[in-house]
């Protein structure tokens, strides 16, 4: 039964991840940053970083839910290790969201300077 529940959680997590809108590829954002000349260029970059921040926040929330799910199996040493793994990922994803939000704000400032 535990394996079925964990299997369903993995499938659900995959469905959530793969149903998200695609972010720009690294090459695309690199090119956008390198070639940004107008306020609207900077706003587009800021929008991308807003999307990255939202994506990271959403994934952090998913991992919080996984910590809760793993806590339902307190006698499993693997469950404890998985919870710790998720906690590390949550911290990294929260850092990612903050950095992406900071970048979005910086590009909005650059857009304002170009107006």
Protein backbone atom coordinates (compact mmCIF):
# COMPACT_ATOMS: atom_id res chain seq x y z
CA UNK A 1 0.00 0.00 0.00
CA UNK A 2 2.83 2.39 0.88
CA UNK A 3 4.47 1.77 -2.49
CA UNK A 4 1.20 2.50 -4.27
CA UNK A 5 0.79 5.79 -2.40
CA UNK A 6 4.39 6.80 -3.13
CA UNK A 7 3.98 5.78 -6.76
CA UNK A 8 0.85 7.88 -7.08
CA UNK A 9 2.65 10.84 -5.51
CA UNK A 10 5.47 10.54 -8.06
CA UNK A 11 2.98 10.39 -10.93
CA UNK A 12 1.09 13.39 -9.56
CA UNK A 13 4.30 15.38 -9.13
CA UNK A 14 5.33 14.54 -12.71
CA UNK A 15 1.95 15.69 -14.02
CA UNK A 16 2.28 18.99 -12.17
CA UNK A 17 5.83 19.58 -13.37
CA UNK A 18 5.13 18.74 -17.00
CA UNK A 19 1.91 20.76 -17.15
CA UNK A 20 3.76 24.00 -16.29
CA UNK A 21 4.41 26.51 -19.07
CA UNK A 22 7.90 26.24 -20.50
CA UNK A 23 10.44 28.81 -19.37
CA UNK A 24 12.87 30.36 -21.81
CA UNK A 25 15.93 28.32 -22.60
CA UNK A 26 19.23 29.55 -21.14
CA UNK A 27 20.45 30.49 -24.62
CA UNK A 28 17.33 32.60 -25.20
CA UNK A 29 17.64 34.59 -21.98
CA UNK A 30 21.40 35.00 -22.55
CA UNK A 31 20.66 36.50 -25.95
CA UNK A 32 17.88 38.70 -24.58
CA UNK A 33 20.17 40.10 -21.89
CA UNK A 34 23.07 40.62 -24.29
CA UNK A 35 20.88 42.42 -26.84
CA UNK A 36 18.54 44.41 -24.55
CA UNK A 37 18.37 48.02 -25.72
CA UNK A 38 14.87 49.21 -24.87
CA UNK A 39 12.65 49.42 -21.83
CA UNK A 40 10.39 46.74 -23.31
CA UNK A 41 13.42 44.45 -23.74
CA UNK A 42 14.21 44.89 -20.03
CA UNK A 43 10.55 44.33 -19.11
CA UNK A 44 10.54 41.06 -21.08
CA UNK A 45 13.62 39.91 -19.17
CA UNK A 46 11.99 40.92 -15.88
CA UNK A 47 8.89 38.92 -16.83
CA UNK A 48 11.08 35.88 -17.47
CA UNK A 49 12.65 36.18 -14.03
CA UNK A 50 9.18 36.59 -12.47
CA UNK A 51 8.25 33.29 -14.12
CA UNK A 52 11.43 31.64 -12.82
CA UNK A 53 10.63 32.89 -9.30
CA UNK A 54 7.07 31.55 -9.52
CA UNK A 55 8.34 28.22 -10.85
CA UNK A 56 10.86 27.88 -8.01
CA UNK A 57 8.24 28.83 -5.42
CA UNK A 58 5.80 26.30 -6.84
CA UNK A 59 8.39 23.54 -6.78
CA UNK A 60 9.31 24.45 -3.18
CA UNK A 61 5.65 24.07 -2.26
CA UNK A 62 5.54 20.66 -3.95
CA UNK A 63 8.52 19.55 -1.88
CA UNK A 64 6.83 20.81 1.31
CA UNK A 65 3.93 18.53 0.44
CA UNK A 66 6.35 15.67 -0.06
CA UNK A 67 7.85 16.26 3.39
CA UNK A 68 4.34 15.94 4.81
CA UNK A 69 3.74 12.77 2.82
CA UNK A 70 7.02 11.22 3.94
CA UNK A 71 6.19 12.03 7.57
CA UNK A 72 3.31 9.56 7.33
CA UNK A 73 5.89 6.76 7.29
CA UNK A 74 7.82 7.56 10.51
CA UNK A 75 9.37 4.10 10.92
CA UNK A 76 11.07 4.12 7.55
CA UNK A 77 14.69 5.25 7.53
CA UNK A 78 14.35 5.96 3.80
CA UNK A 79 11.39 8.23 4.52
CA UNK A 80 13.51 10.24 6.96
CA UNK A 81 16.31 10.55 4.42
CA UNK A 82 13.83 11.59 1.73
CA UNK A 83 12.36 14.25 4.03
CA UNK A 84 15.83 15.67 4.69
CA UNK A 85 16.52 15.64 0.95
CA UNK A 86 13.29 17.59 0.34
CA UNK A 87 14.16 20.11 3.06
CA UNK A 88 17.47 20.85 1.33
CA UNK A 89 15.70 21.25 -2.01
CA UNK A 90 13.09 23.55 -0.41
CA UNK A 91 15.84 25.85 0.87
CA UNK A 92 17.56 25.92 -2.52
CA UNK A 93 14.29 26.59 -4.34
CA UNK A 94 13.41 29.43 -1.95
CA UNK A 95 16.86 30.92 -2.60
CA UNK A 96 16.25 30.52 -6.33
CA UNK A 97 12.91 32.33 -6.07
CA UNK A 98 14.44 35.21 -4.14
CA UNK A 99 17.36 35.62 -6.55
CA UNK A 100 15.04 35.49 -9.56
CA UNK A 101 12.75 38.10 -7.96
CA UNK A 102 15.78 40.31 -7.30
CA UNK A 103 16.84 39.97 -10.95
CA UNK A 104 13.32 40.86 -12.12
CA UNK A 105 13.41 43.99 -9.95
CA UNK A 106 16.84 44.95 -11.29
CA UNK A 107 15.67 44.64 -14.88
CA UNK A 108 12.58 46.72 -14.09
CA UNK A 109 14.91 49.42 -12.71
CA UNK A 110 16.93 49.25 -15.92
CA UNK A 111 13.70 49.53 -17.91
CA UNK A 112 12.72 52.63 -15.93
CA UNK A 113 16.09 54.21 -16.67
CA UNK A 114 15.50 53.69 -20.39
CA UNK A 115 12.07 55.34 -20.41
